[in-house]
């Protein structure tokens, strides 16, 4: 058996080769503090598979686009800009010199 200063030749959890001065297994995280257990203390718990999923792996749902009367805000902005351009164009056409000089 390995002393507290020396790790076993291979990890009891996953079988990865360990250096003699390893403090923890680089693959599974078993460490000297747990005594390099031969068995996992959670084996008999019958936890559901969802208990082993990492919530950080799931991508968050996209945020919904704010809507006004069923349209996204950027469509309202585009309509307002188009209307402003039409008004400015019409006002510029009224000021044009009809004689052409």
N, C-alpha and C. Protein backbone atom coordinates (compact mmCIF):
# COMPACT_ATOMS: atom_id res chain seq x y z
N UNK A 1 0.84 -1.18 0.00
CA UNK A 1 0.00 0.00 0.00
C UNK A 1 0.88 1.23 0.00
N UNK A 2 0.45 2.30 -0.66
CA UNK A 2 1.22 3.53 -0.76
C UNK A 2 1.13 4.31 0.54
N UNK A 3 2.23 4.98 0.86
CA UNK A 3 2.23 5.84 2.05
C UNK A 3 1.56 7.15 1.70
N UNK A 4 1.39 8.02 2.71
CA UNK A 4 0.72 9.30 2.47
C UNK A 4 1.55 10.21 1.57
N UNK A 5 2.89 9.98 1.51
CA UNK A 5 3.73 10.80 0.64
C UNK A 5 3.83 10.26 -0.77
N UNK A 6 3.39 9.04 -0.97
CA UNK A 6 3.56 8.40 -2.27
C UNK A 6 2.22 7.89 -2.78
N UNK A 7 1.95 8.22 -4.05
CA UNK A 7 0.70 7.77 -4.69
C UNK A 7 0.89 6.34 -5.19
N UNK A 8 -0.19 5.63 -5.39
CA UNK A 8 -0.07 4.29 -5.98
C UNK A 8 0.40 4.40 -7.43
N UNK A 9 0.81 3.29 -8.01
CA UNK A 9 1.31 3.30 -9.39
C UNK A 9 0.22 3.68 -10.38
N UNK A 10 -1.01 3.27 -10.07
CA UNK A 10 -2.12 3.65 -10.94
C UNK A 10 -3.33 3.97 -10.07
N UNK A 11 -4.22 4.81 -10.63
CA UNK A 11 -5.41 5.26 -9.91
C UNK A 11 -6.37 4.09 -9.70
N UNK A 12 -6.87 3.95 -8.48
CA UNK A 12 -7.81 2.88 -8.17
C UNK A 12 -9.17 3.13 -8.81
N UNK A 13 -9.47 4.38 -9.14
CA UNK A 13 -10.77 4.71 -9.74
C UNK A 13 -10.81 4.45 -11.23
N UNK A 14 -9.79 4.99 -11.96
CA UNK A 14 -9.87 4.93 -13.42
C UNK A 14 -8.71 4.18 -14.08
N UNK A 15 -7.68 3.84 -13.32
CA UNK A 15 -6.57 3.07 -13.87
C UNK A 15 -5.49 3.89 -14.54
N UNK A 16 -5.55 5.20 -14.46
CA UNK A 16 -4.53 6.06 -15.07
C UNK A 16 -3.22 5.92 -14.31
N UNK A 17 -2.11 5.86 -15.04
CA UNK A 17 -0.79 5.79 -14.40
C UNK A 17 -0.52 7.11 -13.68
N UNK A 18 0.01 7.00 -12.45
CA UNK A 18 0.28 8.18 -11.63
C UNK A 18 1.75 8.30 -11.33
N UNK A 19 2.20 9.54 -11.19
CA UNK A 19 3.58 9.74 -10.76
C UNK A 19 3.64 9.47 -9.25
N UNK A 20 4.81 9.09 -8.73
CA UNK A 20 4.90 8.74 -7.31
C UNK A 20 4.53 9.89 -6.37
N UNK A 21 4.68 11.14 -6.79
CA UNK A 21 4.37 12.28 -5.93
C UNK A 21 3.02 12.92 -6.26
N UNK A 22 2.17 12.25 -7.01
CA UNK A 22 0.87 12.80 -7.40
C UNK A 22 0.01 13.01 -6.17
N UNK A 23 -0.67 14.14 -6.14
CA UNK A 23 -1.59 14.44 -5.04
C UNK A 23 -3.03 14.11 -5.44
N UNK A 24 -3.28 14.04 -6.75
CA UNK A 24 -4.62 13.70 -7.26
C UNK A 24 -4.47 13.11 -8.65
N UNK A 25 -5.45 12.34 -9.05
CA UNK A 25 -5.45 11.75 -10.38
C UNK A 25 -5.82 12.82 -11.40
N UNK A 26 -5.03 13.00 -12.46
CA UNK A 26 -5.35 14.03 -13.44
C UNK A 26 -6.58 13.70 -14.29
N UNK A 27 -7.03 12.46 -14.28
CA UNK A 27 -8.18 12.07 -15.10
C UNK A 27 -9.49 12.15 -14.32
N UNK A 28 -9.55 11.51 -13.16
CA UNK A 28 -10.83 11.42 -12.45
C UNK A 28 -10.89 12.25 -11.18
N UNK A 29 -9.75 12.74 -10.69
CA UNK A 29 -9.75 13.60 -9.51
C UNK A 29 -9.64 12.87 -8.19
N UNK A 30 -9.52 11.54 -8.20
CA UNK A 30 -9.31 10.83 -6.94
C UNK A 30 -8.02 11.36 -6.33
N UNK A 31 -7.98 11.46 -4.99
CA UNK A 31 -6.80 12.06 -4.37
C UNK A 31 -6.36 11.31 -3.13
N UNK A 32 -5.23 11.75 -2.58
CA UNK A 32 -4.67 11.09 -1.41
C UNK A 32 -5.54 11.30 -0.18
N UNK A 33 -6.31 12.37 -0.13
CA UNK A 33 -7.16 12.66 1.02
C UNK A 33 -8.25 11.60 1.16
N UNK A 34 -8.74 11.10 0.05
CA UNK A 34 -9.77 10.07 0.10
C UNK A 34 -9.17 8.68 0.30
N UNK A 35 -7.85 8.60 0.32
CA UNK A 35 -7.18 7.33 0.55
C UNK A 35 -7.12 6.47 -0.69
N UNK A 36 -7.23 7.07 -1.86
CA UNK A 36 -7.18 6.34 -3.13
C UNK A 36 -8.11 5.14 -3.03
N UNK A 37 -9.35 5.41 -2.75
CA UNK A 37 -10.33 4.35 -2.51
C UNK A 37 -10.41 3.36 -3.67
N UNK A 38 -10.61 2.13 -3.30
CA UNK A 38 -10.77 1.07 -4.29
C UNK A 38 -12.16 1.13 -4.92
N UNK A 39 -13.13 1.58 -4.15
CA UNK A 39 -14.50 1.66 -4.66
C UNK A 39 -15.02 3.08 -4.46
N UNK A 40 -16.01 3.42 -5.22
CA UNK A 40 -16.62 4.74 -5.14
C UNK A 40 -17.67 4.72 -4.03
N UNK A 41 -17.65 5.68 -3.10
CA UNK A 41 -18.62 5.65 -2.00
C UNK A 41 -20.05 5.91 -2.47
N UNK A 42 -20.24 6.37 -3.70
CA UNK A 42 -21.57 6.68 -4.21
C UNK A 42 -22.14 5.58 -5.11
N UNK A 43 -21.47 4.44 -5.17
CA UNK A 43 -21.92 3.37 -6.06
C UNK A 43 -23.30 2.84 -5.71
N UNK A 44 -23.66 2.71 -4.46
CA UNK A 44 -24.92 2.10 -4.07
C UNK A 44 -26.09 3.06 -3.95
N UNK A 45 -25.97 4.29 -4.39
CA UNK A 45 -27.03 5.26 -4.19
C UNK A 45 -28.14 5.19 -5.22
N UNK A 46 -27.92 4.57 -6.36
CA UNK A 46 -28.92 4.48 -7.44
C UNK A 46 -29.44 5.86 -7.84
N UNK A 47 -28.52 6.77 -8.07
CA UNK A 47 -28.90 8.12 -8.50
C UNK A 47 -29.34 8.09 -9.96
N UNK A 48 -30.30 8.94 -10.34
CA UNK A 48 -30.71 8.99 -11.74
C UNK A 48 -29.59 9.57 -12.60
N UNK A 49 -29.62 9.28 -13.89
CA UNK A 49 -28.59 9.77 -14.81
C UNK A 49 -28.52 11.29 -14.83
N UNK A 50 -29.64 11.95 -14.59
CA UNK A 50 -29.66 13.41 -14.60
C UNK A 50 -28.81 14.00 -13.47
N UNK A 51 -28.54 13.24 -12.43
CA UNK A 51 -27.72 13.73 -11.33
C UNK A 51 -26.27 13.91 -11.74
N UNK A 52 -25.86 13.28 -12.82
CA UNK A 52 -24.47 13.35 -13.26
C UNK A 52 -24.27 14.38 -14.36
N UNK A 53 -25.34 15.00 -14.82
CA UNK A 53 -25.23 16.02 -15.87
C UNK A 53 -24.75 17.32 -15.25
N UNK A 54 -23.91 18.00 -15.98
CA UNK A 54 -23.42 19.30 -15.54
C UNK A 54 -24.28 20.38 -16.17
N UNK A 55 -24.92 21.21 -15.34
CA UNK A 55 -25.81 22.23 -15.87
C UNK A 55 -25.06 23.26 -16.72
N UNK A 56 -23.76 23.41 -16.53
CA UNK A 56 -23.00 24.39 -17.31
C UNK A 56 -22.82 23.94 -18.74
N UNK A 57 -23.03 22.63 -19.03
CA UNK A 57 -22.90 22.15 -20.40
C UNK A 57 -24.08 22.56 -21.26
N UNK A 58 -25.22 22.80 -20.63
CA UNK A 58 -26.41 23.15 -21.39
C UNK A 58 -26.32 24.61 -21.83
N UNK A 59 -26.66 24.86 -23.08
CA UNK A 59 -26.65 26.23 -23.56
C UNK A 59 -27.91 26.93 -23.09
N UNK A 60 -27.79 28.17 -22.65
CA UNK A 60 -28.99 28.86 -22.18
C UNK A 60 -29.92 29.18 -23.34
N UNK A 61 -31.19 29.26 -23.04
CA UNK A 61 -32.18 29.59 -24.07
C UNK A 61 -31.95 31.02 -24.53
N UNK A 62 -32.09 31.28 -25.83
CA UNK A 62 -31.90 32.65 -26.30
C UNK A 62 -32.97 33.57 -25.72
N UNK A 63 -32.55 34.79 -25.44
CA UNK A 63 -33.48 35.77 -24.90
C UNK A 63 -34.46 36.20 -25.98
N UNK A 64 -35.73 36.32 -25.66
CA UNK A 64 -36.70 36.74 -26.67
C UNK A 64 -36.49 38.22 -27.02
N UNK A 65 -36.78 38.55 -28.27
CA UNK A 65 -36.66 39.93 -28.73
C UNK A 65 -37.88 40.69 -28.22
N UNK A 66 -37.66 41.87 -27.60
CA UNK A 66 -38.82 42.65 -27.15
C UNK A 66 -39.69 43.03 -28.34
N UNK A 67 -41.01 42.92 -28.17
CA UNK A 67 -41.93 43.19 -29.27
C UNK A 67 -42.93 44.27 -28.87
N UNK A 68 -43.32 45.07 -29.86
CA UNK A 68 -44.35 46.08 -29.68
C UNK A 68 -45.43 45.78 -30.71
N UNK A 69 -46.61 45.50 -30.25
CA UNK A 69 -47.75 45.15 -31.11
C UNK A 69 -47.39 44.00 -32.06
N UNK A 70 -46.63 43.05 -31.60
CA UNK A 70 -46.31 41.87 -32.40
C UNK A 70 -45.09 42.01 -33.29
N UNK A 71 -44.49 43.20 -33.38
CA UNK A 71 -43.30 43.39 -34.21
C UNK A 71 -42.09 43.67 -33.33
N UNK A 72 -40.94 43.21 -33.78
CA UNK A 72 -39.70 43.47 -33.04
C UNK A 72 -39.39 44.96 -33.12
N UNK A 73 -38.68 45.46 -32.12
CA UNK A 73 -38.38 46.90 -32.03
C UNK A 73 -37.64 47.41 -33.24
N UNK A 74 -36.77 46.61 -33.85
CA UNK A 74 -35.98 47.10 -34.97
C UNK A 74 -36.83 47.32 -36.23
N UNK A 75 -37.94 46.62 -36.36
CA UNK A 75 -38.84 46.88 -37.49
C UNK A 75 -39.55 48.22 -37.32
N UNK A 76 -39.90 48.55 -36.08
CA UNK A 76 -40.49 49.86 -35.82
C UNK A 76 -39.48 50.96 -36.12
N UNK A 77 -38.24 50.76 -35.77
CA UNK A 77 -37.19 51.74 -36.05
C UNK A 77 -36.99 51.90 -37.55
N UNK A 78 -36.97 50.80 -38.28
CA UNK A 78 -36.81 50.86 -39.74
C UNK A 78 -37.99 51.61 -40.37
N UNK A 79 -39.21 51.37 -39.90
CA UNK A 79 -40.37 52.06 -40.45
C UNK A 79 -40.31 53.55 -40.16
N UNK A 80 -39.88 53.93 -38.95
CA UNK A 80 -39.77 55.35 -38.60
C UNK A 80 -38.72 56.04 -39.46
N UNK A 81 -37.59 55.39 -39.69
CA UNK A 81 -36.54 55.99 -40.53
C UNK A 81 -37.01 56.13 -41.98
N UNK A 82 -37.71 55.14 -42.48
CA UNK A 82 -38.23 55.20 -43.84
C UNK A 82 -39.26 56.32 -43.98
N UNK A 83 -40.12 56.46 -43.01
CA UNK A 83 -41.11 57.54 -43.02
C UNK A 83 -40.42 58.90 -42.96
N UNK A 84 -39.38 59.03 -42.13
CA UNK A 84 -38.65 60.29 -42.05
C UNK A 84 -37.98 60.62 -43.38
N UNK A 85 -37.41 59.62 -44.05
CA UNK A 85 -36.79 59.86 -45.36
C UNK A 85 -37.82 60.28 -46.40
N UNK A 86 -39.00 59.68 -46.37
CA UNK A 86 -40.06 60.05 -47.30
C UNK A 86 -40.53 61.48 -47.06
N UNK A 87 -40.69 61.86 -45.80
CA UNK A 87 -41.11 63.23 -45.47
C UNK A 87 -40.05 64.22 -45.89
N UNK A 88 -38.78 63.93 -45.62
CA UNK A 88 -37.70 64.84 -46.02
C UNK A 88 -37.59 64.92 -47.54
N UNK A 89 -37.79 63.81 -48.23
CA UNK A 89 -37.75 63.82 -49.68
C UNK A 89 -38.88 64.65 -50.28
N UNK A 90 -40.06 64.53 -49.71
CA UNK A 90 -41.21 65.29 -50.20
C UNK A 90 -41.00 66.78 -49.91
N UNK A 91 -40.46 67.10 -48.75
CA UNK A 91 -40.21 68.51 -48.42
C UNK A 91 -39.13 69.08 -49.33
N UNK A 92 -38.14 68.29 -49.68
CA UNK A 92 -37.10 68.76 -50.60
C UNK A 92 -37.64 68.95 -52.00
N UNK A 93 -38.58 68.11 -52.41
CA UNK A 93 -39.20 68.26 -53.74
C UNK A 93 -40.06 69.48 -53.84
N UNK A 94 -40.68 69.91 -52.75
CA UNK A 94 -41.52 71.10 -52.76
C UNK A 94 -40.67 72.37 -52.87
N UNK A 95 -39.46 72.31 -52.37
CA UNK A 95 -38.60 73.49 -52.42
C UNK A 95 -37.84 73.59 -53.73
N UNK A 96 -37.89 72.62 -54.57
CA UNK A 96 -37.14 72.67 -55.83
C UNK A 96 -37.66 73.83 -56.70
N UNK A 97 -36.75 74.43 -57.41
CA UNK A 97 -37.08 75.54 -58.29
C UNK A 97 -37.80 75.00 -59.52
N UNK A 98 -39.06 75.38 -59.77
CA UNK A 98 -39.80 74.85 -60.90
C UNK A 98 -39.28 75.34 -62.26
N UNK A 99 -38.56 76.42 -62.27
CA UNK A 99 -38.07 76.94 -63.55
C UNK A 99 -36.86 76.17 -64.05
N UNK A 100 -36.21 75.42 -63.15
CA UNK A 100 -35.06 74.60 -63.56
C UNK A 100 -33.76 75.36 -63.57
N UNK A 101 -33.72 76.59 -63.07
CA UNK A 101 -32.47 77.35 -63.01
C UNK A 101 -31.97 77.51 -61.62
